[in-house]
Amino acid sequence: MSGLIGRYEYIRYQDPAAALRPYDPRYPEVARRVIDLIRSRMPDAEVEHVGSTAIPGCAGKGVVDLMLVYPPGRLAAARDALDGLGFQRHDRRGAFPEERPVRIGTLEDDGETFRLHVHVIAADSPEVATQRHFRDTLRADPALVEVYVARKRAVLAAGVTDGNDYNLGKESFIQRVLDGAATDQT
């Protein structure tokens, strides 16, 4: 793997149609390497692996999602650190605002391109606890992971192909997990 993040070239790296990819055991190592790169530029930030690729056995879109938690007053420094590594603004439909940005990029490993999203979140935002809670709840419950994957399959089986619509289709399940009321309903 190279030291810097690859450009998120929309011609080469288009926002793919919603799909369900099997879990790749390389995801944690890719995340660790990117986390180390980010910490080298911004040591006062917390950086964590979140999303489906952070949950062993969880099929998903195949995007390695990270959460950069920045200290008060350091949003600009967080954006600059990511931009300096080669990450780009996510400016497609449904993009997050620059006050709560997502940066996108790629990392090459053994001939494969891993897509990356870094969610930049203030340390005092309730979203930090929400992201951690969802990830940790699923990590602790493989049966719940199966229910989550079944929900994703159901969304796709309904004909959803747009990434934003796919995310909307998962919202009710995610909210039930966050509320502590997840069931085996998809």
N, C-alpha and C. Protein backbone atom coordinates (compact mmCIF):
# COMPACT_ATOMS: atom_id res chain seq x y z
N MET A 1 0.84 -1.19 0.00
CA MET A 1 0.00 0.00 0.00
C MET A 1 0.87 1.23 0.00
N SER A 2 0.44 2.22 -0.72
CA SER A 2 1.18 3.48 -0.75
C SER A 2 0.85 4.30 0.48
N GLY A 3 1.58 5.39 0.66
CA GLY A 3 1.40 6.21 1.85
C GLY A 3 0.23 7.15 1.79
N LEU A 4 -0.16 7.60 0.60
CA LEU A 4 -1.22 8.59 0.52
C LEU A 4 -2.47 8.01 -0.13
N ILE A 5 -3.53 8.72 0.06
CA ILE A 5 -4.84 8.30 -0.43
C ILE A 5 -4.96 8.60 -1.92
N GLY A 6 -5.52 7.66 -2.64
CA GLY A 6 -5.76 7.85 -4.06
C GLY A 6 -6.94 8.77 -4.30
N ARG A 7 -6.88 9.44 -5.41
CA ARG A 7 -7.97 10.34 -5.79
C ARG A 7 -9.23 9.54 -6.06
N TYR A 8 -10.30 10.11 -5.69
CA TYR A 8 -11.61 9.50 -5.87
C TYR A 8 -12.11 9.99 -7.22
N GLU A 9 -11.62 9.37 -8.25
CA GLU A 9 -11.94 9.82 -9.60
C GLU A 9 -13.30 9.29 -10.00
N TYR A 10 -14.21 10.21 -10.28
CA TYR A 10 -15.58 9.79 -10.54
C TYR A 10 -15.71 9.00 -11.83
N ILE A 11 -14.79 9.19 -12.77
CA ILE A 11 -14.86 8.37 -13.98
C ILE A 11 -14.41 6.96 -13.64
N ARG A 12 -13.30 6.86 -12.91
CA ARG A 12 -12.78 5.54 -12.53
C ARG A 12 -13.54 4.98 -11.35
N TYR A 13 -13.88 5.83 -10.44
CA TYR A 13 -14.53 5.43 -9.20
C TYR A 13 -15.86 6.14 -9.14
N GLN A 14 -16.82 5.60 -9.76
CA GLN A 14 -18.14 6.19 -9.73
C GLN A 14 -18.85 5.72 -8.48
N ASP A 15 -19.78 6.54 -8.01
CA ASP A 15 -20.61 6.07 -6.92
C ASP A 15 -21.40 4.90 -7.48
N PRO A 16 -21.07 3.70 -7.05
CA PRO A 16 -21.68 2.52 -7.66
C PRO A 16 -23.15 2.39 -7.28
N ALA A 17 -23.85 1.64 -8.07
CA ALA A 17 -25.23 1.31 -7.74
C ALA A 17 -25.21 0.53 -6.43
N ALA A 18 -26.30 0.65 -5.68
CA ALA A 18 -26.40 -0.09 -4.43
C ALA A 18 -26.20 -1.57 -4.71
N ALA A 19 -25.40 -2.20 -3.88
CA ALA A 19 -25.11 -3.62 -4.04
C ALA A 19 -24.73 -4.18 -2.68
N LEU A 20 -24.75 -5.46 -2.58
CA LEU A 20 -24.38 -6.13 -1.34
C LEU A 20 -23.16 -7.00 -1.63
N ARG A 21 -22.04 -6.59 -1.06
CA ARG A 21 -20.79 -7.33 -1.26
C ARG A 21 -20.49 -8.12 0.01
N PRO A 22 -19.91 -9.29 -0.15
CA PRO A 22 -19.56 -10.05 1.06
C PRO A 22 -18.49 -9.33 1.87
N TYR A 23 -18.47 -9.61 3.15
CA TYR A 23 -17.46 -9.04 4.03
C TYR A 23 -16.08 -9.48 3.57
N ASP A 24 -15.15 -8.55 3.55
CA ASP A 24 -13.77 -8.84 3.15
C ASP A 24 -12.89 -8.74 4.40
N PRO A 25 -12.22 -9.80 4.78
CA PRO A 25 -11.40 -9.76 6.00
C PRO A 25 -10.24 -8.78 5.93
N ARG A 26 -9.99 -8.18 4.77
CA ARG A 26 -8.93 -7.16 4.67
C ARG A 26 -9.40 -5.79 5.15
N TYR A 27 -10.70 -5.59 5.33
CA TYR A 27 -11.21 -4.28 5.73
C TYR A 27 -10.55 -3.73 6.99
N PRO A 28 -10.42 -4.50 8.07
CA PRO A 28 -9.80 -3.92 9.27
C PRO A 28 -8.37 -3.44 9.05
N GLU A 29 -7.60 -4.17 8.24
CA GLU A 29 -6.22 -3.75 7.97
C GLU A 29 -6.18 -2.48 7.12
N VAL A 30 -7.06 -2.40 6.12
CA VAL A 30 -7.15 -1.18 5.32
C VAL A 30 -7.51 -0.01 6.23
N ALA A 31 -8.51 -0.21 7.09
CA ALA A 31 -8.91 0.85 8.02
C ALA A 31 -7.75 1.25 8.93
N ARG A 32 -7.03 0.28 9.47
CA ARG A 32 -5.91 0.58 10.37
C ARG A 32 -4.87 1.43 9.67
N ARG A 33 -4.56 1.09 8.43
CA ARG A 33 -3.54 1.85 7.70
C ARG A 33 -3.99 3.29 7.44
N VAL A 34 -5.25 3.45 7.10
CA VAL A 34 -5.76 4.80 6.85
C VAL A 34 -5.83 5.58 8.16
N ILE A 35 -6.25 4.92 9.23
CA ILE A 35 -6.28 5.57 10.54
C ILE A 35 -4.88 6.06 10.90
N ASP A 36 -3.87 5.24 10.70
CA ASP A 36 -2.49 5.65 11.00
C ASP A 36 -2.08 6.86 10.17
N LEU A 37 -2.47 6.88 8.89
CA LEU A 37 -2.16 8.03 8.04
C LEU A 37 -2.82 9.30 8.56
N ILE A 38 -4.08 9.19 8.93
CA ILE A 38 -4.81 10.36 9.42
C ILE A 38 -4.20 10.85 10.73
N ARG A 39 -3.91 9.93 11.63
CA ARG A 39 -3.32 10.32 12.93
C ARG A 39 -1.95 10.96 12.75
N SER A 40 -1.22 10.58 11.70
CA SER A 40 0.08 11.20 11.46
C SER A 40 -0.07 12.68 11.10
N ARG A 41 -1.22 13.05 10.55
CA ARG A 41 -1.49 14.44 10.17
C ARG A 41 -2.25 15.20 11.26
N MET A 42 -2.99 14.47 12.09
CA MET A 42 -3.81 15.11 13.12
C MET A 42 -3.82 14.24 14.38
N PRO A 43 -2.73 14.30 15.15
CA PRO A 43 -2.62 13.42 16.32
C PRO A 43 -3.66 13.67 17.41
N ASP A 44 -4.28 14.85 17.43
CA ASP A 44 -5.26 15.14 18.48
C ASP A 44 -6.66 14.66 18.13
N ALA A 45 -6.82 14.00 17.00
CA ALA A 45 -8.12 13.46 16.60
C ALA A 45 -8.23 11.99 16.99
N GLU A 46 -9.45 11.58 17.26
CA GLU A 46 -9.74 10.15 17.40
C GLU A 46 -10.21 9.68 16.04
N VAL A 47 -9.75 8.53 15.60
CA VAL A 47 -10.18 8.00 14.32
C VAL A 47 -10.55 6.54 14.53
N GLU A 48 -11.76 6.17 14.09
CA GLU A 48 -12.26 4.82 14.31
C GLU A 48 -12.88 4.26 13.04
N HIS A 49 -12.85 2.95 12.94
CA HIS A 49 -13.49 2.22 11.85
C HIS A 49 -14.95 2.02 12.25
N VAL A 50 -15.88 2.45 11.40
CA VAL A 50 -17.31 2.32 11.66
C VAL A 50 -17.98 1.76 10.41
N GLY A 51 -19.28 1.56 10.46
CA GLY A 51 -20.01 1.08 9.31
C GLY A 51 -19.89 -0.42 9.15
N SER A 52 -20.49 -0.94 8.11
CA SER A 52 -20.56 -2.40 7.89
C SER A 52 -19.19 -3.06 7.79
N THR A 53 -18.21 -2.38 7.22
CA THR A 53 -16.89 -3.00 7.08
C THR A 53 -16.18 -3.14 8.42
N ALA A 54 -16.70 -2.50 9.47
CA ALA A 54 -16.15 -2.62 10.82
C ALA A 54 -16.79 -3.75 11.61
N ILE A 55 -17.74 -4.44 10.99
CA ILE A 55 -18.49 -5.49 11.67
C ILE A 55 -18.17 -6.83 10.99
N PRO A 56 -17.40 -7.67 11.64
CA PRO A 56 -17.03 -8.94 11.02
C PRO A 56 -18.25 -9.72 10.52
N GLY A 57 -18.15 -10.18 9.27
CA GLY A 57 -19.21 -10.96 8.67
C GLY A 57 -20.37 -10.19 8.09
N CYS A 58 -20.32 -8.87 8.17
CA CYS A 58 -21.44 -8.05 7.69
C CYS A 58 -21.23 -7.66 6.23
N ALA A 59 -22.09 -8.17 5.38
CA ALA A 59 -22.05 -7.76 3.97
C ALA A 59 -22.51 -6.32 3.87
N GLY A 60 -22.04 -5.63 2.84
CA GLY A 60 -22.42 -4.23 2.68
C GLY A 60 -21.96 -3.69 1.34
N LYS A 61 -21.88 -2.37 1.26
CA LYS A 61 -21.48 -1.72 0.01
C LYS A 61 -19.99 -1.87 -0.28
N GLY A 62 -19.23 -2.24 0.72
CA GLY A 62 -17.79 -2.40 0.53
C GLY A 62 -17.01 -1.11 0.68
N VAL A 63 -17.61 -0.10 1.26
CA VAL A 63 -16.92 1.16 1.51
C VAL A 63 -16.38 1.11 2.94
N VAL A 64 -15.09 1.37 3.10
CA VAL A 64 -14.49 1.42 4.42
C VAL A 64 -14.79 2.79 5.00
N ASP A 65 -15.71 2.80 5.97
CA ASP A 65 -16.11 4.04 6.63
C ASP A 65 -15.28 4.25 7.88
N LEU A 66 -14.79 5.46 8.02
CA LEU A 66 -14.05 5.86 9.21
C LEU A 66 -14.74 7.07 9.82
N MET A 67 -14.55 7.26 11.11
CA MET A 67 -15.08 8.42 11.80
C MET A 67 -13.89 9.16 12.41
N LEU A 68 -13.68 10.40 11.96
CA LEU A 68 -12.66 11.27 12.54
C LEU A 68 -13.38 12.18 13.52
N VAL A 69 -13.05 12.04 14.80
CA VAL A 69 -13.65 12.84 15.86
C VAL A 69 -12.65 13.93 16.23
N TYR A 70 -13.02 15.17 15.96
CA TYR A 70 -12.07 16.27 16.19
C TYR A 70 -12.42 17.04 17.46
N PRO A 71 -11.39 17.58 18.14
CA PRO A 71 -11.60 18.38 19.34
C PRO A 71 -12.26 19.73 19.00
N PRO A 72 -12.83 20.38 20.01
CA PRO A 72 -13.48 21.68 19.78
C PRO A 72 -12.56 22.66 19.02
N GLY A 73 -13.15 23.33 18.04
CA GLY A 73 -12.43 24.33 17.28
C GLY A 73 -11.48 23.80 16.22
N ARG A 74 -11.50 22.50 15.96
CA ARG A 74 -10.51 21.90 15.05
C ARG A 74 -11.11 21.34 13.77
N LEU A 75 -12.31 21.78 13.41
CA LEU A 75 -12.93 21.29 12.17
C LEU A 75 -12.07 21.62 10.96
N ALA A 76 -11.63 22.85 10.85
CA ALA A 76 -10.81 23.25 9.69
C ALA A 76 -9.53 22.42 9.64
N ALA A 77 -8.92 22.18 10.79
CA ALA A 77 -7.70 21.37 10.83
C ALA A 77 -7.98 19.94 10.38
N ALA A 78 -9.13 19.40 10.75
CA ALA A 78 -9.49 18.04 10.35
C ALA A 78 -9.69 17.97 8.83
N ARG A 79 -10.41 18.93 8.29
CA ARG A 79 -10.61 18.95 6.84
C ARG A 79 -9.28 19.09 6.12
N ASP A 80 -8.43 20.00 6.61
CA ASP A 80 -7.12 20.22 5.99
C ASP A 80 -6.24 18.98 6.05
N ALA A 81 -6.27 18.28 7.18
CA ALA A 81 -5.46 17.07 7.32
C ALA A 81 -5.88 16.02 6.29
N LEU A 82 -7.18 15.85 6.13
CA LEU A 82 -7.68 14.87 5.16
C LEU A 82 -7.37 15.31 3.74
N ASP A 83 -7.60 16.57 3.45
CA ASP A 83 -7.31 17.09 2.11
C ASP A 83 -5.83 16.93 1.78
N GLY A 84 -4.96 17.14 2.78
CA GLY A 84 -3.52 17.00 2.58
C GLY A 84 -3.10 15.57 2.28
N LEU A 85 -3.91 14.62 2.70
CA LEU A 85 -3.62 13.21 2.40
C LEU A 85 -4.13 12.79 1.03
N GLY A 86 -4.92 13.66 0.40
CA GLY A 86 -5.47 13.33 -0.91
C GLY A 86 -6.95 13.04 -0.92
N PHE A 87 -7.60 13.09 0.25
CA PHE A 87 -9.05 12.92 0.27
C PHE A 87 -9.71 14.10 -0.43
N GLN A 88 -10.90 13.89 -0.91
CA GLN A 88 -11.66 14.92 -1.61
C GLN A 88 -13.01 15.12 -0.94
N ARG A 89 -13.60 16.26 -1.24
CA ARG A 89 -14.97 16.51 -0.79
C ARG A 89 -15.91 15.55 -1.49
N HIS A 90 -16.89 15.11 -0.77
CA HIS A 90 -17.96 14.31 -1.38
C HIS A 90 -19.01 15.31 -1.85
N ASP A 91 -19.14 15.44 -3.15
CA ASP A 91 -20.03 16.48 -3.67
C ASP A 91 -21.16 15.92 -4.53
N ARG A 92 -21.43 14.65 -4.35
CA ARG A 92 -22.52 14.04 -5.10
C ARG A 92 -23.85 14.28 -4.40
N ARG A 93 -24.92 13.85 -5.03
CA ARG A 93 -26.26 13.99 -4.45
C ARG A 93 -26.27 13.40 -3.04
N GLY A 94 -26.86 14.12 -2.12
CA GLY A 94 -26.95 13.65 -0.75
C GLY A 94 -25.71 13.88 0.08
N ALA A 95 -24.76 14.66 -0.42
CA ALA A 95 -23.51 14.89 0.30
C ALA A 95 -23.76 15.65 1.60
N PHE A 96 -22.91 15.39 2.58
CA PHE A 96 -22.98 16.09 3.86
C PHE A 96 -22.45 17.51 3.68
N PRO A 97 -22.93 18.45 4.52
CA PRO A 97 -22.43 19.83 4.44
C PRO A 97 -21.01 19.92 5.00
N GLU A 98 -20.33 20.99 4.68
CA GLU A 98 -18.95 21.17 5.14
C GLU A 98 -18.85 21.38 6.65
N GLU A 99 -19.97 21.64 7.33
CA GLU A 99 -19.96 21.74 8.79
C GLU A 99 -19.93 20.35 9.43
N ARG A 100 -20.29 19.33 8.66
CA ARG A 100 -20.24 17.92 9.10
C ARG A 100 -19.85 17.12 7.85
N PRO A 101 -18.61 17.32 7.41
CA PRO A 101 -18.22 16.79 6.10
C PRO A 101 -17.93 15.30 6.09
N VAL A 102 -17.94 14.80 4.87
CA VAL A 102 -17.42 13.47 4.57
C VAL A 102 -16.37 13.68 3.50
N ARG A 103 -15.22 13.07 3.70
CA ARG A 103 -14.18 13.10 2.70
C ARG A 103 -14.08 11.69 2.10
N ILE A 104 -13.76 11.64 0.82
CA ILE A 104 -13.74 10.37 0.10
C ILE A 104 -12.37 10.16 -0.55
N GLY A 105 -12.03 8.91 -0.73
CA GLY A 105 -10.77 8.58 -1.37
C GLY A 105 -10.70 7.09 -1.62
N THR A 106 -9.56 6.65 -2.07
CA THR A 106 -9.33 5.23 -2.32
C THR A 106 -7.97 4.85 -1.79
N LEU A 107 -7.80 3.57 -1.57
CA LEU A 107 -6.52 3.03 -1.19
C LEU A 107 -6.31 1.75 -1.99
N GLU A 108 -5.16 1.67 -2.65
CA GLU A 108 -4.82 0.49 -3.44
C GLU A 108 -4.12 -0.53 -2.55
N ASP A 109 -4.51 -1.78 -2.69
CA ASP A 109 -3.85 -2.85 -1.96
C ASP A 109 -3.84 -4.09 -2.83
N ASP A 110 -2.66 -4.53 -3.19
CA ASP A 110 -2.49 -5.76 -3.96
C ASP A 110 -3.39 -5.78 -5.20
N GLY A 111 -3.40 -4.66 -5.91
CA GLY A 111 -4.16 -4.56 -7.14
C GLY A 111 -5.64 -4.28 -6.96
N GLU A 112 -6.12 -4.16 -5.74
CA GLU A 112 -7.53 -3.88 -5.50
C GLU A 112 -7.68 -2.47 -4.95
N THR A 113 -8.75 -1.80 -5.40
CA THR A 113 -9.05 -0.46 -4.93
C THR A 113 -10.10 -0.53 -3.84
N PHE A 114 -9.77 -0.01 -2.68
CA PHE A 114 -10.72 0.07 -1.58
C PHE A 114 -11.25 1.50 -1.50
N ARG A 115 -12.57 1.61 -1.51
CA ARG A 115 -13.20 2.92 -1.39
C ARG A 115 -13.27 3.32 0.08
N LEU A 116 -13.04 4.60 0.33
CA LEU A 116 -12.97 5.13 1.69
C LEU A 116 -13.90 6.32 1.86
N HIS A 117 -14.59 6.37 2.97
CA HIS A 117 -15.36 7.55 3.38
C HIS A 117 -14.93 7.89 4.79
N VAL A 118 -14.55 9.14 5.03
CA VAL A 118 -14.21 9.59 6.37
C VAL A 118 -15.25 10.61 6.80
N HIS A 119 -16.00 10.24 7.84
CA HIS A 119 -17.02 11.10 8.42
C HIS A 119 -16.34 11.97 9.47
N VAL A 120 -16.40 13.29 9.31
CA VAL A 120 -15.72 14.23 10.19
C VAL A 120 -16.76 14.78 11.16
N ILE A 121 -16.59 14.44 12.45
CA ILE A 121 -17.63 14.71 13.44
C ILE A 121 -17.01 15.37 14.67
N ALA A 122 -17.67 16.40 15.19
CA ALA A 122 -17.22 17.09 16.39
C ALA A 122 -17.28 16.16 17.60
N ALA A 123 -16.30 16.26 18.49
CA ALA A 123 -16.24 15.40 19.67
C ALA A 123 -17.48 15.53 20.55
N ASP A 124 -18.11 16.70 20.55
CA ASP A 124 -19.28 16.90 21.41
C ASP A 124 -20.60 16.56 20.70
N SER A 125 -20.54 16.02 19.50
CA SER A 125 -21.75 15.65 18.78
C SER A 125 -22.31 14.32 19.28
N PRO A 126 -23.62 14.24 19.48
CA PRO A 126 -24.22 12.95 19.87
C PRO A 126 -24.00 11.86 18.82
N GLU A 127 -23.70 12.25 17.59
CA GLU A 127 -23.49 11.28 16.52
C GLU A 127 -22.31 10.36 16.81
N VAL A 128 -21.33 10.84 17.56
CA VAL A 128 -20.16 10.01 17.89
C VAL A 128 -20.63 8.77 18.66
N ALA A 129 -21.42 8.99 19.70
CA ALA A 129 -21.92 7.87 20.50
C ALA A 129 -22.85 6.98 19.69
N THR A 130 -23.62 7.59 18.80
CA THR A 130 -24.55 6.82 17.95
C THR A 130 -23.77 5.88 17.03
N GLN A 131 -22.74 6.39 16.38
CA GLN A 131 -21.92 5.56 15.48
C GLN A 131 -21.29 4.40 16.25
N ARG A 132 -20.73 4.70 17.40
CA ARG A 132 -20.08 3.66 18.20
C ARG A 132 -21.09 2.62 18.69
N HIS A 133 -22.24 3.09 19.16
CA HIS A 133 -23.26 2.18 19.69
C HIS A 133 -23.74 1.21 18.62
N PHE A 134 -24.03 1.72 17.43
CA PHE A 134 -24.51 0.85 16.36
C PHE A 134 -23.46 -0.21 16.01
N ARG A 135 -22.23 0.25 15.80
CA ARG A 135 -21.14 -0.68 15.46
C ARG A 135 -20.94 -1.73 16.56
N ASP A 136 -20.85 -1.28 17.79
CA ASP A 136 -20.55 -2.19 18.89
C ASP A 136 -21.70 -3.16 19.17
N THR A 137 -22.93 -2.69 18.99
CA THR A 137 -24.09 -3.57 19.18
C THR A 137 -24.06 -4.70 18.17
N LEU A 138 -23.80 -4.38 16.90
CA LEU A 138 -23.74 -5.43 15.89
C LEU A 138 -22.52 -6.34 16.06
N ARG A 139 -21.41 -5.78 16.45
CA ARG A 139 -20.22 -6.62 16.68
C ARG A 139 -20.49 -7.66 17.76
N ALA A 140 -21.31 -7.31 18.73
CA ALA A 140 -21.59 -8.21 19.85
C ALA A 140 -22.69 -9.21 19.57
N ASP A 141 -23.36 -9.11 18.43
CA ASP A 141 -24.53 -9.95 18.18
C ASP A 141 -24.57 -10.43 16.73
N PRO A 142 -23.91 -11.56 16.43
CA PRO A 142 -23.90 -12.07 15.05
C PRO A 142 -25.30 -12.33 14.49
N ALA A 143 -26.25 -12.70 15.33
CA ALA A 143 -27.62 -12.91 14.84
C ALA A 143 -28.21 -11.60 14.36
N LEU A 144 -27.91 -10.52 15.04
CA LEU A 144 -28.40 -9.21 14.63
C LEU A 144 -27.75 -8.78 13.31
N VAL A 145 -26.50 -9.17 13.12
CA VAL A 145 -25.82 -8.89 11.84
C VAL A 145 -26.58 -9.58 10.71
N GLU A 146 -26.99 -10.81 10.94
CA GLU A 146 -27.76 -11.54 9.92
C GLU A 146 -29.07 -10.82 9.59
N VAL A 147 -29.71 -10.28 10.61
CA VAL A 147 -30.96 -9.54 10.38
C VAL A 147 -30.66 -8.27 9.57
N TYR A 148 -29.58 -7.61 9.90
CA TYR A 148 -29.20 -6.39 9.17
C TYR A 148 -28.93 -6.71 7.69
N VAL A 149 -28.19 -7.76 7.44
CA VAL A 149 -27.89 -8.15 6.06
C VAL A 149 -29.19 -8.53 5.34
N ALA A 150 -30.09 -9.20 6.03
CA ALA A 150 -31.38 -9.55 5.42
C ALA A 150 -32.16 -8.28 5.06
N ARG A 151 -32.07 -7.26 5.91
CA ARG A 151 -32.74 -6.00 5.60
C ARG A 151 -32.14 -5.38 4.34
N LYS A 152 -30.83 -5.41 4.23
CA LYS A 152 -30.18 -4.87 3.04
C LYS A 152 -30.61 -5.63 1.79
N ARG A 153 -30.67 -6.95 1.90
CA ARG A 153 -31.13 -7.76 0.76
C ARG A 153 -32.56 -7.40 0.36
N ALA A 154 -33.41 -7.17 1.35
CA ALA A 154 -34.80 -6.82 1.07
C ALA A 154 -34.90 -5.48 0.35
N VAL A 155 -34.07 -4.53 0.76
CA VAL A 155 -34.05 -3.22 0.09
C VAL A 155 -33.66 -3.40 -1.38
N LEU A 156 -32.63 -4.17 -1.63
CA LEU A 156 -32.18 -4.40 -3.00
C LEU A 156 -33.21 -5.20 -3.79
N ALA A 157 -33.84 -6.18 -3.15
CA ALA A 157 -34.86 -6.99 -3.83
C ALA A 157 -36.07 -6.15 -4.23
N ALA A 158 -36.28 -5.04 -3.53
CA ALA A 158 -37.38 -4.13 -3.87
C ALA A 158 -37.05 -3.28 -5.09
N GLY A 159 -35.85 -3.47 -5.64
CA GLY A 159 -35.47 -2.75 -6.86
C GLY A 159 -34.67 -1.48 -6.63
N VAL A 160 -34.26 -1.22 -5.41
CA VAL A 160 -33.48 -0.02 -5.11
C VAL A 160 -32.08 -0.18 -5.70
N THR A 161 -31.64 0.82 -6.46
CA THR A 161 -30.29 0.79 -7.02
C THR A 161 -29.48 2.03 -6.63
N ASP A 162 -30.14 3.09 -6.24
CA ASP A 162 -29.47 4.34 -5.85
C ASP A 162 -28.93 4.22 -4.43
N GLY A 163 -27.68 4.64 -4.24
CA GLY A 163 -27.04 4.55 -2.94
C GLY A 163 -27.76 5.30 -1.84
N ASN A 164 -28.26 6.49 -2.14
CA ASN A 164 -28.99 7.25 -1.13
C ASN A 164 -30.30 6.57 -0.76
N ASP A 165 -31.00 6.05 -1.74
CA ASP A 165 -32.24 5.33 -1.47
C ASP A 165 -31.98 4.05 -0.69
N TYR A 166 -30.87 3.39 -1.00
CA TYR A 166 -30.46 2.20 -0.26
C TYR A 166 -30.27 2.54 1.22
N ASN A 167 -29.58 3.64 1.48
CA ASN A 167 -29.37 4.06 2.87
C ASN A 167 -30.70 4.35 3.56
N LEU A 168 -31.60 5.00 2.86
CA LEU A 168 -32.92 5.28 3.44
C LEU A 168 -33.66 4.00 3.77
N GLY A 169 -33.50 2.99 2.95
CA GLY A 169 -34.16 1.72 3.17
C GLY A 169 -33.68 0.98 4.41
N LYS A 170 -32.50 1.34 4.90
CA LYS A 170 -31.95 0.70 6.10
C LYS A 170 -32.26 1.48 7.37
N GLU A 171 -32.75 2.70 7.23
CA GLU A 171 -32.90 3.59 8.38
C GLU A 171 -33.75 3.03 9.51
N SER A 172 -34.87 2.41 9.17
CA SER A 172 -35.74 1.91 10.25
C SER A 172 -35.05 0.83 11.07
N PHE A 173 -34.30 -0.05 10.41
CA PHE A 173 -33.56 -1.07 11.15
C PHE A 173 -32.52 -0.41 12.05
N ILE A 174 -31.76 0.52 11.50
CA ILE A 174 -30.71 1.20 12.27
C ILE A 174 -31.32 1.90 13.48
N GLN A 175 -32.45 2.56 13.29
CA GLN A 175 -33.09 3.26 14.41
C GLN A 175 -33.55 2.28 15.48
N ARG A 176 -34.07 1.11 15.07
CA ARG A 176 -34.48 0.11 16.07
C ARG A 176 -33.27 -0.37 16.88
N VAL A 177 -32.14 -0.54 16.23
CA VAL A 177 -30.93 -0.95 16.96
C VAL A 177 -30.54 0.15 17.95
N LEU A 178 -30.56 1.37 17.49
CA LEU A 178 -30.17 2.49 18.36
C LEU A 178 -31.13 2.65 19.54
N ASP A 179 -32.39 2.32 19.30
CA ASP A 179 -33.40 2.41 20.36
C ASP A 179 -33.39 1.18 21.26
N GLY A 180 -32.58 0.18 20.92
CA GLY A 180 -32.53 -1.05 21.69
C GLY A 180 -33.71 -1.95 21.43
N ALA A 181 -34.39 -1.74 20.30
CA ALA A 181 -35.61 -2.50 20.00
C ALA A 181 -35.48 -3.33 18.73
N ALA A 182 -34.27 -3.63 18.32
CA ALA A 182 -34.11 -4.43 17.09
C ALA A 182 -34.72 -5.80 17.28
N THR A 183 -35.40 -6.23 16.25
CA THR A 183 -36.03 -7.56 16.28
C THR A 183 -35.54 -8.32 15.07
N ASP A 184 -36.08 -9.50 14.89
CA ASP A 184 -35.70 -10.25 13.70
C ASP A 184 -36.54 -9.87 12.50
N GLN A 185 -37.25 -8.76 12.59
CA GLN A 185 -37.96 -8.26 11.42
C GLN A 185 -36.98 -7.54 10.52
N THR A 186 -37.18 -7.68 9.22
CA THR A 186 -36.30 -6.99 8.29
C THR A 186 -36.99 -5.74 7.82
